[in-house]
Amino acid sequence: MQNRITSLFGIKYPIIQGGMIWCSGWKLASAVSNAGGLGIIGAGSMYPEILKEHIQKCKQATKKPFGVNLPLLYPDIDKHIATILEEKVPIVFTSAGNPGVWTETLKAAGIIVVHVVSNEKFALKAEACGVDAIVAEGFEAGGHNGREETTTLVLIPQITSAVKIPVMAAGGIGTGKTMLAAMVLGAEGVQVGSRFVTSEESSAHNNFKNMILQAKEGSTQLSLKQLTPVRMLKNKFWEDVVYAESNCASKEDLATLLGRARAKKGMFEGDLVEGELEIGQISGYINAIKPAGEIIAEMVNEYNLALSNLAHKQLEE
């Protein structure tokens, strides 16, 4: 599995954990890194002093590379940048904003920079800004999503054909088979979010994890497209959003309905009624809460088996 992504990050497997808000603290990041992938601390739901604490604890829990996911629209972005520079974080994944603003600063400090995109236009822009790699995230993904609603199957070959830097696939990937499919499409790594939400080390509330285990096909839907599109499990809050949108609610009305800390209420505090429950389409086939290391081992074994089976089928033909 060695390629440009494993070489870039210094990891064994090209499996990158998503930096999901309220779910990706130091326990999950260190567990993923210790298992041979790349663990990511999700800074979007952390105050600057909390991020610093998680980085320091992650350093104590693993000697392997790890990174921080940094939403560029974060209100105190300069404070997070200062923390990342002070703590000498080796890898930063940026998202939800213009990569041109902070990439040069981060790279000047020797930090590897990756940017998350949902279309070819932003992939080309990120490459021009000097990022080292790209995460191409398809419509199937949990959390915030692209307005174009391009699926991973379409997005990955489109972006890998457009840029020269390495590309990681995200959106609907949580098994070795889907990982192999992404590699066949041109990706050199995968970013996995939803499956790690239900890991033992995830900081998601157990209520949320157990609801994910009950999810079926069609249990999630992309909503709030007038604001920032987000994929959620269907619950009362989701129903309130659908009702508001069907009655032509304005952006201001939807922002008021969303309010503050709605995702924290659902994902971190376990309010399954009024909380925002962000998760991907693959929630329909997640059926157990497991250690992060076991999830990675299963993905690697399934990847190798699927690759072997594919080779045997080609020989038979």
Protein backbone atom coordinates (compact mmCIF):
# COMPACT_ATOMS: atom_id res chain seq x y z
CA MET A 1 0.00 0.00 0.00
CA GLN A 2 3.00 2.32 -0.12
CA ASN A 3 2.46 5.35 -2.36
CA ARG A 4 2.75 9.14 -2.37
CA ILE A 5 0.27 9.52 0.49
CA THR A 6 1.98 7.07 2.86
CA SER A 7 5.34 8.66 2.01
CA LEU A 8 4.01 12.19 2.49
CA PHE A 9 2.61 11.48 5.95
CA GLY A 10 5.04 8.78 7.05
CA ILE A 11 2.29 6.23 7.75
CA LYS A 12 1.83 2.50 7.10
CA TYR A 13 -1.63 2.56 5.52
CA PRO A 14 -3.21 5.29 3.36
CA ILE A 15 -6.19 5.51 5.72
CA ILE A 16 -6.85 8.97 7.14
CA GLN A 17 -9.36 9.59 9.89
CA GLY A 18 -11.80 12.44 9.28
CA GLY A 19 -11.58 15.45 11.60
CA MET A 20 -15.26 15.34 12.57
CA ILE A 21 -16.47 18.01 14.99
CA TRP A 22 -17.40 16.71 18.45
CA CYS A 23 -16.11 13.24 17.59
CA SER A 24 -12.37 13.58 16.86
CA GLY A 25 -10.38 14.24 19.99
CA TRP A 26 -6.91 13.07 20.97
CA LYS A 27 -8.05 9.58 21.99
CA LEU A 28 -9.36 8.77 18.52
CA ALA A 29 -6.52 10.52 16.67
CA SER A 30 -3.81 8.71 18.64
CA ALA A 31 -5.56 5.34 18.30
CA VAL A 32 -5.76 5.70 14.51
CA SER A 33 -2.13 6.79 14.24
CA ASN A 34 -0.96 3.96 16.49
CA ALA A 35 -2.79 1.50 14.21
CA GLY A 36 -0.91 2.69 11.13
CA GLY A 37 -3.26 5.31 9.73
CA LEU A 38 -3.25 9.08 10.17
CA GLY A 39 -5.25 10.35 13.13
CA ILE A 40 -6.76 13.83 12.95
CA ILE A 41 -7.88 16.13 15.79
CA GLY A 42 -11.04 18.03 14.81
CA ALA A 43 -10.37 21.65 15.82
CA GLY A 44 -13.69 23.03 14.57
CA SER A 45 -15.50 22.27 17.83
CA MET A 46 -12.68 23.33 20.17
CA TYR A 47 -11.72 26.56 21.91
CA PRO A 48 -8.03 27.42 21.39
CA GLU A 49 -7.02 26.25 24.88
CA ILE A 50 -8.89 22.96 24.36
CA LEU A 51 -7.14 22.36 21.04
CA LYS A 52 -3.78 22.90 22.74
CA GLU A 53 -4.68 20.36 25.42
CA HIS A 54 -5.72 17.76 22.82
CA ILE A 55 -2.53 18.24 20.80
CA GLN A 56 -0.37 17.80 23.89
CA LYS A 57 -2.26 14.68 25.00
CA CYS A 58 -2.04 13.23 21.48
CA LYS A 59 1.75 13.72 21.54
CA GLN A 60 1.87 11.76 24.79
CA ALA A 61 -0.36 8.96 23.44
CA THR A 62 1.43 8.36 20.14
CA LYS A 63 4.87 8.80 18.63
CA LYS A 64 3.39 8.38 15.15
CA PRO A 65 2.39 11.28 12.85
CA PHE A 66 -0.97 12.94 13.45
CA GLY A 67 -2.69 16.06 12.21
CA VAL A 68 -5.28 18.74 12.94
CA ASN A 69 -8.35 19.50 10.85
CA LEU A 70 -8.84 23.27 10.69
CA PRO A 71 -12.08 24.77 9.28
CA LEU A 72 -10.91 28.07 7.83
CA LEU A 73 -14.18 29.80 8.74
CA TYR A 74 -13.49 29.21 12.46
CA PRO A 75 -14.04 32.55 14.27
CA ASP A 76 -10.67 32.58 16.10
CA ILE A 77 -8.68 31.03 13.28
CA ASP A 78 -5.57 33.08 14.10
CA LYS A 79 -5.52 31.62 17.63
CA HIS A 80 -5.75 28.07 16.28
CA ILE A 81 -2.95 28.83 13.82
CA ALA A 82 -0.80 30.16 16.68
CA THR A 83 -1.44 26.98 18.71
CA ILE A 84 -0.59 24.75 15.75
CA LEU A 85 2.66 26.62 15.13
CA GLU A 86 3.59 26.69 18.82
CA GLU A 87 2.94 22.96 19.26
CA LYS A 88 4.69 22.12 15.99
CA VAL A 89 1.81 20.06 14.59
CA PRO A 90 3.27 18.19 11.60
CA ILE A 91 0.17 17.99 9.37
CA VAL A 92 -2.85 20.28 8.91
CA PHE A 93 -6.00 19.54 6.92
CA THR A 94 -7.83 22.76 6.04
CA SER A 95 -11.46 22.94 4.97
CA ALA A 96 -14.44 25.28 4.59
CA GLY A 97 -12.63 28.34 3.31
CA ASN A 98 -9.94 29.83 1.08
CA PRO A 99 -6.69 27.79 1.28
CA GLY A 100 -4.74 30.78 -0.02
CA VAL A 101 -5.00 32.64 3.29
CA TRP A 102 -2.98 30.35 5.59
CA THR A 103 -1.21 27.74 3.42
CA GLU A 104 1.95 29.79 2.96
CA THR A 105 2.19 30.48 6.71
CA LEU A 106 1.79 26.82 7.59
CA LYS A 107 4.21 25.56 4.95
CA ALA A 108 6.81 28.14 5.99
CA ALA A 109 6.78 26.40 9.38
CA GLY A 110 7.44 23.03 7.71
CA ILE A 111 3.86 21.82 8.06
CA ILE A 112 2.31 19.51 5.47
CA VAL A 113 -0.94 21.10 4.27
CA VAL A 114 -3.94 19.27 2.79
CA HIS A 115 -7.16 20.94 1.68
CA VAL A 116 -10.64 19.38 1.47
CA VAL A 117 -12.67 20.13 -1.68
CA SER A 118 -15.93 19.03 -3.25
CA ASN A 119 -15.38 20.05 -6.87
CA GLU A 120 -12.71 20.42 -9.55
CA LYS A 121 -12.66 24.23 -9.40
CA PHE A 122 -11.59 24.28 -5.75
CA ALA A 123 -9.15 21.41 -6.30
CA LEU A 124 -7.30 23.44 -8.91
CA LYS A 125 -7.36 26.52 -6.68
CA ALA A 126 -5.97 24.53 -3.74
CA GLU A 127 -3.19 23.12 -5.91
CA ALA A 128 -2.33 26.64 -7.12
CA CYS A 129 -2.13 27.78 -3.49
CA GLY A 130 0.61 25.23 -2.87
CA VAL A 131 -1.09 22.57 -0.77
CA ASP A 132 0.65 19.20 -0.67
CA ALA A 133 -2.42 17.03 -1.26
CA ILE A 134 -6.19 17.17 -1.64
CA VAL A 135 -9.14 15.38 -0.09
CA ALA A 136 -11.95 15.09 -2.64
CA GLU A 137 -15.19 14.64 -0.70
CA GLY A 138 -18.26 13.27 -2.44
CA PHE A 139 -21.98 13.76 -1.83
CA GLU A 140 -22.22 10.64 0.33
CA ALA A 141 -20.15 12.17 3.13
CA GLY A 142 -21.45 13.15 6.54
CA GLY A 143 -21.32 16.67 7.91
CA HIS A 144 -20.97 19.63 5.59
CA ASN A 145 -21.02 18.87 1.89
CA GLY A 146 -20.70 20.36 -1.58
CA ARG A 147 -23.56 22.22 -3.22
CA GLU A 148 -22.94 20.39 -6.50
CA GLU A 149 -23.91 17.05 -4.88
CA THR A 150 -21.28 15.21 -6.96
CA THR A 151 -20.89 11.60 -5.87
CA THR A 152 -17.51 10.13 -4.96
CA LEU A 153 -17.65 7.78 -7.96
CA VAL A 154 -17.77 10.78 -10.29
CA LEU A 155 -15.66 13.23 -8.29
CA ILE A 156 -12.49 11.19 -7.78
CA PRO A 157 -11.57 10.48 -11.42
CA GLN A 158 -12.52 14.03 -12.31
CA ILE A 159 -10.16 15.58 -9.77
CA THR A 160 -7.31 13.09 -10.15
CA SER A 161 -7.30 13.90 -13.86
CA ALA A 162 -7.19 17.64 -13.15
CA VAL A 163 -4.39 17.92 -10.58
CA LYS A 164 -0.86 16.58 -10.21
CA ILE A 165 -0.69 16.39 -6.43
CA PRO A 166 -1.94 13.30 -4.53
CA VAL A 167 -5.67 12.96 -3.95
CA MET A 168 -7.49 11.19 -1.11
CA ALA A 169 -11.10 10.10 -1.54
CA ALA A 170 -13.81 10.79 1.04
CA GLY A 171 -17.53 10.20 1.12
CA GLY A 172 -19.12 6.76 1.43
CA ILE A 173 -15.85 5.01 2.30
CA GLY A 174 -15.71 2.77 5.34
CA THR A 175 -14.69 -0.69 4.11
CA GLY A 176 -11.76 -2.25 2.32
CA LYS A 177 -13.86 -2.75 -0.80
CA THR A 178 -14.79 0.94 -1.05
CA MET A 179 -11.16 1.81 -0.36
CA LEU A 180 -10.07 -0.37 -3.28
CA ALA A 181 -12.70 1.23 -5.51
CA ALA A 182 -11.35 4.68 -4.64
CA MET A 183 -7.81 3.58 -5.48
CA VAL A 184 -8.94 2.16 -8.82
CA LEU A 185 -10.52 5.55 -9.56
CA GLY A 186 -7.16 7.27 -9.03
CA ALA A 187 -7.07 8.15 -5.34
CA GLU A 188 -3.92 7.34 -3.36
CA GLY A 189 -5.61 7.30 0.01
CA VAL A 190 -8.99 7.48 1.71
CA GLN A 191 -10.39 9.65 4.46
CA VAL A 192 -12.85 7.83 6.69
CA GLY A 193 -15.22 9.74 8.94
CA SER A 194 -18.53 8.06 9.74
CA ARG A 195 -17.10 4.65 10.58
CA PHE A 196 -14.72 6.18 13.12
CA VAL A 197 -17.60 8.08 14.75
CA THR A 198 -18.75 4.71 16.09
CA SER A 199 -15.30 3.71 17.31
CA GLU A 200 -14.73 3.18 21.03
CA GLU A 201 -12.30 6.10 21.13
CA SER A 202 -14.64 8.58 19.41
CA SER A 203 -15.87 11.40 21.66
CA ALA A 204 -19.36 11.14 20.17
CA HIS A 205 -22.08 10.47 22.75
CA ASN A 206 -23.16 6.83 23.10
CA ASN A 207 -26.76 7.85 22.28
CA PHE A 208 -25.53 9.12 18.92
CA LYS A 209 -23.36 6.06 18.29
CA ASN A 210 -26.25 3.70 19.04
CA MET A 211 -28.62 5.64 16.79
CA ILE A 212 -26.10 5.25 13.96
CA LEU A 213 -26.17 1.49 14.50
CA GLN A 214 -29.94 1.58 13.95
CA ALA A 215 -29.66 3.55 10.69
CA LYS A 216 -30.83 2.04 7.42
CA GLU A 217 -30.54 3.01 3.78
CA GLY A 218 -32.18 6.42 3.46
CA SER A 219 -31.81 7.32 7.14
CA THR A 220 -29.76 10.41 6.24
CA GLN A 221 -30.44 13.36 3.98
CA LEU A 222 -28.61 16.48 2.83
CA SER A 223 -30.35 19.53 4.26
CA LEU A 224 -29.82 23.25 4.98
CA LYS A 225 -28.64 23.84 1.42
CA GLN A 226 -29.36 27.58 1.66
CA LEU A 227 -26.79 27.86 4.45
CA THR A 228 -24.09 25.19 4.29
CA PRO A 229 -25.30 21.80 3.06
CA VAL A 230 -25.10 19.20 5.81
CA ARG A 231 -26.01 15.50 5.85
CA MET A 232 -27.93 14.45 8.96
CA LEU A 233 -29.75 11.53 10.47
CA LYS A 234 -33.49 12.05 10.32
CA ASN A 235 -34.90 13.12 13.69
CA LYS A 236 -37.23 15.84 15.00
CA PHE A 237 -34.72 18.61 14.32
CA TRP A 238 -34.31 17.35 10.76
CA GLU A 239 -38.10 17.34 10.39
CA ASP A 240 -38.20 20.95 11.60
CA VAL A 241 -35.62 21.87 8.96
CA VAL A 242 -37.58 20.11 6.20
CA TYR A 243 -40.81 21.83 7.28
CA ALA A 244 -39.10 25.23 7.31
CA GLU A 245 -37.53 24.70 3.89
CA SER A 246 -40.80 23.47 2.38
CA ASN A 247 -42.43 26.68 3.62
CA CYS A 248 -39.82 28.84 1.89
CA ALA A 249 -37.91 29.83 5.02
CA SER A 250 -35.27 32.49 4.45
CA LYS A 251 -31.58 32.04 5.22
CA GLU A 252 -32.12 34.13 8.34
CA ASP A 253 -35.00 31.91 9.47
CA LEU A 254 -32.93 28.76 8.94
CA ALA A 255 -29.97 30.27 10.77
CA THR A 256 -32.26 31.07 13.71
CA LEU A 257 -33.62 27.50 13.67
CA LEU A 258 -30.10 26.09 13.61
CA GLY A 259 -29.01 28.41 16.41
CA ARG A 260 -25.76 27.82 18.28
CA ALA A 261 -24.30 24.52 19.43
CA ARG A 262 -26.98 22.41 17.71
CA ALA A 263 -24.36 19.85 16.59
CA LYS A 264 -22.85 19.76 20.08
CA LYS A 265 -26.29 19.09 21.54
CA GLY A 266 -26.82 16.09 19.30
CA MET A 267 -23.42 14.54 18.66
CA PHE A 268 -21.60 15.32 21.91
CA GLU A 269 -24.41 15.62 24.46
CA GLY A 270 -26.64 12.91 22.99
CA ASP A 271 -29.89 14.83 22.41
CA LEU A 272 -31.41 12.68 19.66
CA VAL A 273 -34.54 14.85 19.38
CA GLU A 274 -33.36 18.45 19.13
CA GLY A 275 -29.72 17.86 18.21
CA GLU A 276 -28.07 17.99 14.79
CA LEU A 277 -26.78 14.49 14.01
CA GLU A 278 -24.20 14.68 11.23
CA ILE A 279 -23.27 11.36 9.63
CA GLY A 280 -22.65 9.89 6.17
CA GLN A 281 -24.67 7.52 4.03
CA ILE A 282 -22.51 4.58 5.10
CA SER A 283 -24.24 4.71 8.48
CA GLY A 284 -26.69 2.25 6.93
CA TYR A 285 -24.13 -0.56 7.12
CA ILE A 286 -22.32 0.26 10.36
CA ASN A 287 -23.47 -2.36 12.85
CA ALA A 288 -21.01 -2.35 15.76
CA ILE A 289 -18.93 -0.10 18.01
CA LYS A 290 -15.30 -1.22 17.74
CA PRO A 291 -11.81 0.00 18.62
CA ALA A 292 -10.29 2.23 15.95
CA GLY A 293 -7.40 -0.18 15.49
CA GLU A 294 -9.80 -3.02 14.76
CA ILE A 295 -11.60 -0.89 12.17
CA ILE A 296 -8.32 -0.21 10.37
CA ALA A 297 -7.29 -3.87 10.51
CA GLU A 298 -10.64 -4.93 9.04
CA MET A 299 -10.35 -2.39 6.23
CA VAL A 300 -6.82 -3.48 5.35
CA ASN A 301 -7.72 -7.19 5.38
CA GLU A 302 -10.84 -6.62 3.29
CA TYR A 303 -8.86 -4.44 0.86
CA ASN A 304 -6.25 -7.15 0.36
CA LEU A 305 -8.90 -9.86 -0.03
CA ALA A 306 -10.88 -7.81 -2.55
CA LEU A 307 -7.71 -7.07 -4.52
CA SER A 308 -6.80 -10.77 -4.53
CA ASN A 309 -10.29 -11.81 -5.64
CA LEU A 310 -10.19 -9.23 -8.42
CA ALA A 311 -6.85 -10.59 -9.64
CA HIS A 312 -8.21 -14.16 -9.64
CA LYS A 313 -11.26 -13.13 -11.65
CA GLN A 314 -9.03 -11.44 -14.23
CA LEU A 315 -6.92 -14.62 -14.52
CA GLU A 316 -10.04 -16.71 -15.01
CA GLU A 317 -11.08 -14.50 -17.88
